[in-house]
Amino acid sequence: MTTLDWIIVFILNGAVILYGFYLARGTHSSNEWFLGKRSIPWWAIGISMFATNVDNFDIVSNTGLVFNDGIHVLAAHTLGLSIGGILAAFLVIPAIYRAGCYTNSEFLEARFGPATRAISVLIQLLYRTFVLGMMIWSVHLMLTGMIGMDKGTSWSIVLVLVALSAIYTSWGGLKTVVMTDALQSIILIIGMLVIFFVISNVVGGWSGMMDTFENMTME
């Protein structure tokens, strides 16, 4: 990577982190921490869900799976996420909102008792810990495998990013997470469009891309 590349990386990541700390200053109560004063705009929630579902772990793993197994892998993920998001938006979230609960685990306790809440919390902690571990490992693989960075420097960068993200997340709560996710989504979408057009130009447009796919399939 060139000096300009690193400048872009630091500016984009620094902007997200600074924005997170800026938003976190306005959180003073549990209502603000869990629900963001119930004032988060719908568009921010929507693109925050996009950033939550499309992270660096997905980019690394799904890209490899699609390359090895075919485009149906990506189609299955997209269909599953779309159906799950629609069902949650129209069935699950309204029920939690009407019950006056802050979290899904709290709602499960109201419906089925404290034991169900404890099991739900345990499952979610294990699941999210696993996912976050894969995300951290994916960043390390990209830094060492694609850029050629040594392991010590790579892990130092990863740990600093994790620590700063954890601080503004635990300090600011839901609104901070949603709004920083929204900013990351915009950056991610712009980056994907740039990559798409660059690759399209390299392979000779849509027809060139299809020819490349056909040659790969024949091989």
C-alpha atoms as a PDB file:
ATOM      1  CA  MET A   1       0.000   0.000   0.000  1.00  0.00           C
ATOM      2  CA  THR A   2       1.133   3.523  -0.777  1.00  0.00           C
ATOM      3  CA  THR A   3       1.272   6.427   1.654  1.00  0.00           C
ATOM      4  CA  LEU A   4      -1.941   7.801   0.148  1.00  0.00           C
ATOM      5  CA  ASP A   5      -3.683   4.464   0.756  1.00  0.00           C
ATOM      6  CA  TRP A   6      -2.728   4.532   4.437  1.00  0.00           C
ATOM      7  CA  ILE A   7      -3.844   8.149   4.764  1.00  0.00           C
ATOM      8  CA  ILE A   8      -7.274   7.200   3.407  1.00  0.00           C
ATOM      9  CA  VAL A   9      -7.481   4.230   5.803  1.00  0.00           C
ATOM     10  CA  PHE A  10      -6.599   6.329   8.848  1.00  0.00           C
ATOM     11  CA  ILE A  11      -8.932   9.176   7.869  1.00  0.00           C
ATOM     12  CA  LEU A  12     -11.930   6.890   7.340  1.00  0.00           C
ATOM     13  CA  ASN A  13     -11.402   4.804  10.484  1.00  0.00           C
ATOM     14  CA  GLY A  14     -10.513   7.873  12.529  1.00  0.00           C
ATOM     15  CA  ALA A  15     -13.670   9.653  11.381  1.00  0.00           C
ATOM     16  CA  VAL A  16     -15.857   6.744  12.516  1.00  0.00           C
ATOM     17  CA  ILE A  17     -14.137   6.492  15.913  1.00  0.00           C
ATOM     18  CA  LEU A  18     -14.219  10.250  16.576  1.00  0.00           C
ATOM     19  CA  TYR A  19     -17.880  10.371  15.543  1.00  0.00           C
ATOM     20  CA  GLY A  20     -18.597   7.546  17.990  1.00  0.00           C
ATOM     21  CA  PHE A  21     -16.963   9.400  20.881  1.00  0.00           C
ATOM     22  CA  TYR A  22     -18.785  12.603  19.912  1.00  0.00           C
ATOM     23  CA  LEU A  23     -22.177  10.863  20.011  1.00  0.00           C
ATOM     24  CA  ALA A  24     -21.399   8.959  23.221  1.00  0.00           C
ATOM     25  CA  ARG A  25     -21.200  12.208  25.202  1.00  0.00           C
ATOM     26  CA  GLY A  26     -24.971  12.651  24.953  1.00  0.00           C
ATOM     27  CA  THR A  27     -25.871   9.382  26.713  1.00  0.00           C
ATOM     28  CA  HIS A  28     -26.855   9.862  30.364  1.00  0.00           C
ATOM     29  CA  SER A  29     -29.606   7.329  31.194  1.00  0.00           C
ATOM     30  CA  SER A  30     -30.550   3.701  30.612  1.00  0.00           C
ATOM     31  CA  ASN A  31     -33.344   4.811  28.279  1.00  0.00           C
ATOM     32  CA  GLU A  32     -30.827   6.684  26.148  1.00  0.00           C
ATOM     33  CA  TRP A  33     -28.326   3.821  26.289  1.00  0.00           C
ATOM     34  CA  PHE A  34     -30.766   1.051  25.305  1.00  0.00           C
ATOM     35  CA  LEU A  35     -33.234   2.954  23.082  1.00  0.00           C
ATOM     36  CA  GLY A  36     -31.492   6.142  21.985  1.00  0.00           C
ATOM     37  CA  LYS A  37     -34.380   8.205  23.420  1.00  0.00           C
ATOM     38  CA  ARG A  38     -36.592   6.417  20.839  1.00  0.00           C
ATOM     39  CA  SER A  39     -35.523   9.141  18.408  1.00  0.00           C
ATOM     40  CA  ILE A  40     -33.237   7.304  15.982  1.00  0.00           C
ATOM     41  CA  PRO A  41     -34.368   7.958  12.367  1.00  0.00           C
ATOM     42  CA  TRP A  42     -35.630   5.008  10.331  1.00  0.00           C
ATOM     43  CA  TRP A  43     -33.019   5.426   7.589  1.00  0.00           C
ATOM     44  CA  ALA A  44     -30.204   5.177  10.125  1.00  0.00           C
ATOM     45  CA  ILE A  45     -31.655   1.963  11.544  1.00  0.00           C
ATOM     46  CA  GLY A  46     -31.983   0.518   8.038  1.00  0.00           C
ATOM     47  CA  ILE A  47     -28.417   1.124   6.917  1.00  0.00           C
ATOM     48  CA  SER A  48     -27.153   0.189  10.387  1.00  0.00           C
ATOM     49  CA  MET A  49     -28.688  -3.251   9.825  1.00  0.00           C
ATOM     50  CA  PHE A  50     -26.796  -3.379   6.539  1.00  0.00           C
ATOM     51  CA  ALA A  51     -23.482  -2.665   8.287  1.00  0.00           C
ATOM     52  CA  THR A  52     -24.292  -5.214  10.991  1.00  0.00           C
ATOM     53  CA  ASN A  53     -25.038  -7.969   8.473  1.00  0.00           C
ATOM     54  CA  VAL A  54     -22.183  -7.169   6.070  1.00  0.00           C
ATOM     55  CA  ASP A  55     -18.891  -7.007   7.944  1.00  0.00           C
ATOM     56  CA  ASN A  56     -15.308  -7.870   7.086  1.00  0.00           C
ATOM     57  CA  PHE A  57     -15.841 -11.509   8.146  1.00  0.00           C
ATOM     58  CA  ASP A  58     -18.585 -11.879   5.547  1.00  0.00           C
ATOM     59  CA  ILE A  59     -16.449 -10.213   2.886  1.00  0.00           C
ATOM     60  CA  VAL A  60     -13.543 -12.589   3.541  1.00  0.00           C
ATOM     61  CA  SER A  61     -15.499 -15.825   4.058  1.00  0.00           C
ATOM     62  CA  ASN A  62     -18.367 -15.351   1.606  1.00  0.00           C
ATOM     63  CA  THR A  63     -16.015 -14.257  -1.159  1.00  0.00           C
ATOM     64  CA  GLY A  64     -14.063 -17.487  -0.755  1.00  0.00           C
ATOM     65  CA  LEU A  65     -17.211 -19.609  -0.531  1.00  0.00           C
ATOM     66  CA  VAL A  66     -18.699 -18.056  -3.663  1.00  0.00           C
ATOM     67  CA  PHE A  67     -15.435 -18.565  -5.533  1.00  0.00           C
ATOM     68  CA  ASN A  68     -15.238 -22.247  -4.511  1.00  0.00           C
ATOM     69  CA  ASP A  69     -18.916 -23.267  -4.483  1.00  0.00           C
ATOM     70  CA  GLY A  70     -20.753 -20.844  -6.775  1.00  0.00           C
ATOM     71  CA  ILE A  71     -23.017 -17.807  -6.671  1.00  0.00           C
ATOM     72  CA  HIS A  72     -25.826 -19.781  -4.994  1.00  0.00           C
ATOM     73  CA  VAL A  73     -24.017 -19.323  -1.665  1.00  0.00           C
ATOM     74  CA  LEU A  74     -24.457 -15.564  -1.874  1.00  0.00           C
ATOM     75  CA  ALA A  75     -28.068 -15.950  -3.041  1.00  0.00           C
ATOM     76  CA  ALA A  76     -28.910 -18.145  -0.035  1.00  0.00           C
ATOM     77  CA  HIS A  77     -27.402 -15.655   2.398  1.00  0.00           C
ATOM     78  CA  THR A  78     -29.192 -12.726   0.774  1.00  0.00           C
ATOM     79  CA  LEU A  79     -32.561 -14.501   0.759  1.00  0.00           C
ATOM     80  CA  GLY A  80     -32.207 -15.643   4.362  1.00  0.00           C
ATOM     81  CA  LEU A  81     -31.241 -12.197   5.627  1.00  0.00           C
ATOM     82  CA  SER A  82     -34.073 -10.542   3.692  1.00  0.00           C
ATOM     83  CA  ILE A  83     -36.736 -12.909   5.039  1.00  0.00           C
ATOM     84  CA  GLY A  84     -35.356 -12.708   8.582  1.00  0.00           C
ATOM     85  CA  GLY A  85     -35.219  -8.913   8.516  1.00  0.00           C
ATOM     86  CA  ILE A  86     -38.790  -8.607   7.238  1.00  0.00           C
ATOM     87  CA  LEU A  87     -40.184 -11.032   9.830  1.00  0.00           C
ATOM     88  CA  ALA A  88     -38.303  -9.256  12.624  1.00  0.00           C
ATOM     89  CA  ALA A  89     -39.483  -5.810  11.488  1.00  0.00           C
ATOM     90  CA  PHE A  90     -43.174  -6.724  11.242  1.00  0.00           C
ATOM     91  CA  LEU A  91     -43.576  -9.394  13.933  1.00  0.00           C
ATOM     92  CA  VAL A  92     -40.816  -9.458  16.547  1.00  0.00           C
ATOM     93  CA  ILE A  93     -39.825  -5.799  17.037  1.00  0.00           C
ATOM     94  CA  PRO A  94     -43.422  -4.483  17.333  1.00  0.00           C
ATOM     95  CA  ALA A  95     -44.171  -7.101  20.004  1.00  0.00           C
ATOM     96  CA  ILE A  96     -41.094  -6.095  22.010  1.00  0.00           C
ATOM     97  CA  TYR A  97     -41.999  -2.418  21.621  1.00  0.00           C
ATOM     98  CA  ARG A  98     -45.595  -2.923  22.805  1.00  0.00           C
ATOM     99  CA  ALA A  99     -44.362  -4.870  25.839  1.00  0.00           C
ATOM    100  CA  GLY A 100     -42.149  -1.930  26.852  1.00  0.00           C
ATOM    101  CA  CYS A 101     -39.003  -4.088  26.878  1.00  0.00           C
ATOM    102  CA  TYR A 102     -35.515  -2.834  26.089  1.00  0.00           C
ATOM    103  CA  THR A 103     -34.000  -6.090  24.807  1.00  0.00           C
ATOM    104  CA  ASN A 104     -35.160  -9.356  23.258  1.00  0.00           C
ATOM    105  CA  SER A 105     -33.921 -11.226  26.336  1.00  0.00           C
ATOM    106  CA  GLU A 106     -36.090  -9.044  28.560  1.00  0.00           C
ATOM    107  CA  PHE A 107     -39.068  -9.811  26.315  1.00  0.00           C
ATOM    108  CA  LEU A 108     -38.381 -13.556  26.555  1.00  0.00           C
ATOM    109  CA  GLU A 109     -38.351 -13.271  30.341  1.00  0.00           C
ATOM    110  CA  ALA A 110     -41.715 -11.519  30.299  1.00  0.00           C
ATOM    111  CA  ARG A 111     -43.153 -14.295  28.104  1.00  0.00           C
ATOM    112  CA  PHE A 112     -41.447 -17.429  29.425  1.00  0.00           C
ATOM    113  CA  GLY A 113     -39.693 -16.630  32.705  1.00  0.00           C
ATOM    114  CA  PRO A 114     -36.171 -15.809  33.963  1.00  0.00           C
ATOM    115  CA  ALA A 115     -34.677 -19.174  32.951  1.00  0.00           C
ATOM    116  CA  THR A 116     -35.432 -18.473  29.287  1.00  0.00           C
ATOM    117  CA  ARG A 117     -33.849 -15.043  29.597  1.00  0.00           C
ATOM    118  CA  ALA A 118     -30.677 -16.543  31.088  1.00  0.00           C
ATOM    119  CA  ILE A 119     -30.437 -19.113  28.299  1.00  0.00           C
ATOM    120  CA  SER A 120     -31.025 -16.421  25.662  1.00  0.00           C
ATOM    121  CA  VAL A 121     -28.293 -14.190  27.101  1.00  0.00           C
ATOM    122  CA  LEU A 122     -25.847 -17.104  27.211  1.00  0.00           C
ATOM    123  CA  ILE A 123     -26.568 -18.095  23.597  1.00  0.00           C
ATOM    124  CA  GLN A 124     -26.230 -14.524  22.352  1.00  0.00           C
ATOM    125  CA  LEU A 125     -22.982 -13.957  24.256  1.00  0.00           C
ATOM    126  CA  LEU A 126     -21.467 -17.136  22.839  1.00  0.00           C
ATOM    127  CA  TYR A 127     -22.668 -16.384  19.320  1.00  0.00           C
ATOM    128  CA  ARG A 128     -21.543 -12.746  19.252  1.00  0.00           C
ATOM    129  CA  THR A 129     -18.202 -13.634  20.849  1.00  0.00           C
ATOM    130  CA  PHE A 130     -17.616 -16.176  18.085  1.00  0.00           C
ATOM    131  CA  VAL A 131     -18.622 -13.704  15.354  1.00  0.00           C
ATOM    132  CA  LEU A 132     -16.475 -10.894  16.799  1.00  0.00           C
ATOM    133  CA  GLY A 133     -13.558 -13.310  17.039  1.00  0.00           C
ATOM    134  CA  MET A 134     -13.945 -14.180  13.350  1.00  0.00           C
ATOM    135  CA  MET A 135     -14.136 -10.478  12.456  1.00  0.00           C
ATOM    136  CA  ILE A 136     -10.947  -9.737  14.378  1.00  0.00           C
ATOM    137  CA  TRP A 137      -9.193 -12.708  12.809  1.00  0.00           C
ATOM    138  CA  SER A 138     -10.336 -11.613   9.333  1.00  0.00           C
ATOM    139  CA  VAL A 139      -8.800  -8.166   9.813  1.00  0.00           C
ATOM    140  CA  HIS A 140      -5.550  -9.817  10.901  1.00  0.00           C
ATOM    141  CA  LEU A 141      -5.582 -12.082   7.834  1.00  0.00           C
ATOM    142  CA  MET A 142      -6.161  -9.130   5.499  1.00  0.00           C
ATOM    143  CA  LEU A 143      -3.340  -7.110   7.046  1.00  0.00           C
ATOM    144  CA  THR A 144      -0.837  -9.970   7.004  1.00  0.00           C
ATOM    145  CA  GLY A 145      -1.949 -11.823   3.859  1.00  0.00           C
ATOM    146  CA  MET A 146      -2.908  -9.010   1.493  1.00  0.00           C
ATOM    147  CA  ILE A 147      -0.648  -6.203   2.702  1.00  0.00           C
ATOM    148  CA  GLY A 148       2.257  -8.285   3.998  1.00  0.00           C
ATOM    149  CA  MET A 149       2.297  -6.657   7.433  1.00  0.00           C
ATOM    150  CA  ASP A 150       4.173  -8.472  10.204  1.00  0.00           C
ATOM    151  CA  LYS A 151       2.048 -10.208  12.835  1.00  0.00           C
ATOM    152  CA  GLY A 152       3.070  -7.970  15.743  1.00  0.00           C
ATOM    153  CA  THR A 153       2.112  -4.752  13.967  1.00  0.00           C
ATOM    154  CA  SER A 154      -1.087  -6.316  12.670  1.00  0.00           C
ATOM    155  CA  TRP A 155      -2.272  -7.416  16.102  1.00  0.00           C
ATOM    156  CA  SER A 156      -1.354  -4.044  17.586  1.00  0.00           C
ATOM    157  CA  ILE A 157      -3.557  -2.236  15.054  1.00  0.00           C
ATOM    158  CA  VAL A 158      -6.400  -4.709  15.567  1.00  0.00           C
ATOM    159  CA  LEU A 159      -6.299  -4.398  19.367  1.00  0.00           C
ATOM    160  CA  VAL A 160      -6.285  -0.585  19.232  1.00  0.00           C
ATOM    161  CA  LEU A 161      -9.302  -0.545  16.902  1.00  0.00           C
ATOM    162  CA  VAL A 162     -11.150  -3.069  19.089  1.00  0.00           C
ATOM    163  CA  ALA A 163     -10.424  -1.096  22.273  1.00  0.00           C
ATOM    164  CA  LEU A 164     -11.558   2.248  20.825  1.00  0.00           C
ATOM    165  CA  SER A 165     -14.723   0.710  19.354  1.00  0.00           C
ATOM    166  CA  ALA A 166     -15.513  -1.004  22.663  1.00  0.00           C
ATOM    167  CA  ILE A 167     -15.120   2.276  24.564  1.00  0.00           C
ATOM    168  CA  TYR A 168     -17.500   4.378  22.472  1.00  0.00           C
ATOM    169  CA  THR A 169     -19.971   1.488  22.172  1.00  0.00           C
ATOM    170  CA  SER A 170     -20.155   0.781  25.921  1.00  0.00           C
ATOM    171  CA  TRP A 171     -20.259   4.507  26.666  1.00  0.00           C
ATOM    172  CA  GLY A 172     -22.798   5.693  24.099  1.00  0.00           C
ATOM    173  CA  GLY A 173     -25.179   2.747  23.731  1.00  0.00           C
ATOM    174  CA  LEU A 174     -27.638   2.138  20.902  1.00  0.00           C
ATOM    175  CA  LYS A 175     -27.674   5.543  19.217  1.00  0.00           C
ATOM    176  CA  THR A 176     -23.885   5.670  19.024  1.00  0.00           C
ATOM    177  CA  VAL A 177     -23.754   2.176  17.530  1.00  0.00           C
ATOM    178  CA  VAL A 178     -26.517   2.850  14.999  1.00  0.00           C
ATOM    179  CA  MET A 179     -25.122   6.166  13.783  1.00  0.00           C
ATOM    180  CA  THR A 180     -21.531   4.918  13.487  1.00  0.00           C
ATOM    181  CA  ASP A 181     -22.887   1.853  11.666  1.00  0.00           C
ATOM    182  CA  ALA A 182     -24.714   4.205   9.299  1.00  0.00           C
ATOM    183  CA  LEU A 183     -21.488   6.087   8.578  1.00  0.00           C
ATOM    184  CA  GLN A 184     -19.637   2.823   8.015  1.00  0.00           C
ATOM    185  CA  SER A 185     -22.413   1.663   5.666  1.00  0.00           C
ATOM    186  CA  ILE A 186     -22.009   4.762   3.508  1.00  0.00           C
ATOM    187  CA  ILE A 187     -18.237   4.235   3.372  1.00  0.00           C
ATOM    188  CA  LEU A 188     -18.732   0.535   2.582  1.00  0.00           C
ATOM    189  CA  ILE A 189     -21.235   1.174  -0.209  1.00  0.00           C
ATOM    190  CA  ILE A 190     -19.008   3.817  -1.827  1.00  0.00           C
ATOM    191  CA  GLY A 191     -16.035   1.458  -1.557  1.00  0.00           C
ATOM    192  CA  MET A 192     -17.959  -1.416  -3.137  1.00  0.00           C
ATOM    193  CA  LEU A 193     -19.055   0.775  -6.043  1.00  0.00           C
ATOM    194  CA  VAL A 194     -15.480   1.937  -6.625  1.00  0.00           C
ATOM    195  CA  ILE A 195     -14.211  -1.664  -6.549  1.00  0.00           C
ATOM    196  CA  PHE A 196     -16.995  -2.816  -8.876  1.00  0.00           C
ATOM    197  CA  PHE A 197     -16.250  -0.200 -11.520  1.00  0.00           C
ATOM    198  CA  VAL A 198     -12.482  -0.684 -11.267  1.00  0.00           C
ATOM    199  CA  ILE A 199     -12.772  -4.467 -11.682  1.00  0.00           C
ATOM    200  CA  SER A 200     -15.350  -4.065 -14.446  1.00  0.00           C
ATOM    201  CA  ASN A 201     -12.972  -1.811 -16.334  1.00  0.00           C
ATOM    202  CA  VAL A 202     -10.064  -4.251 -15.881  1.00  0.00           C
ATOM    203  CA  VAL A 203     -11.964  -7.304 -17.186  1.00  0.00           C
ATOM    204  CA  GLY A 204     -13.581  -5.416 -20.081  1.00  0.00           C
ATOM    205  CA  GLY A 205     -17.047  -4.608 -18.803  1.00  0.00           C
ATOM    206  CA  TRP A 206     -20.004  -6.945 -18.294  1.00  0.00           C
ATOM    207  CA  SER A 207     -19.256  -9.121 -21.338  1.00  0.00           C
ATOM    208  CA  GLY A 208     -15.632  -9.495 -20.313  1.00  0.00           C
ATOM    209  CA  MET A 209     -16.681 -10.483 -16.793  1.00  0.00           C
ATOM    210  CA  MET A 210     -19.090 -13.123 -18.119  1.00  0.00           C
ATOM    211  CA  ASP A 211     -16.373 -14.521 -20.406  1.00  0.00           C
ATOM    212  CA  THR A 212     -14.044 -14.743 -17.418  1.00  0.00           C
ATOM    213  CA  PHE A 213     -16.681 -16.636 -15.417  1.00  0.00           C
ATOM    214  CA  GLU A 214     -17.257 -19.048 -18.307  1.00  0.00           C
ATOM    215  CA  ASN A 215     -13.552 -19.734 -18.646  1.00  0.00           C
ATOM    216  CA  MET A 216     -13.289 -20.358 -14.895  1.00  0.00           C
ATOM    217  CA  THR A 217     -16.227 -22.775 -15.055  1.00  0.00           C
ATOM    218  CA  MET A 218     -14.673 -24.684 -17.977  1.00  0.00           C
ATOM    219  CA  GLU A 219     -11.423 -25.022 -16.100  1.00  0.00           C
END
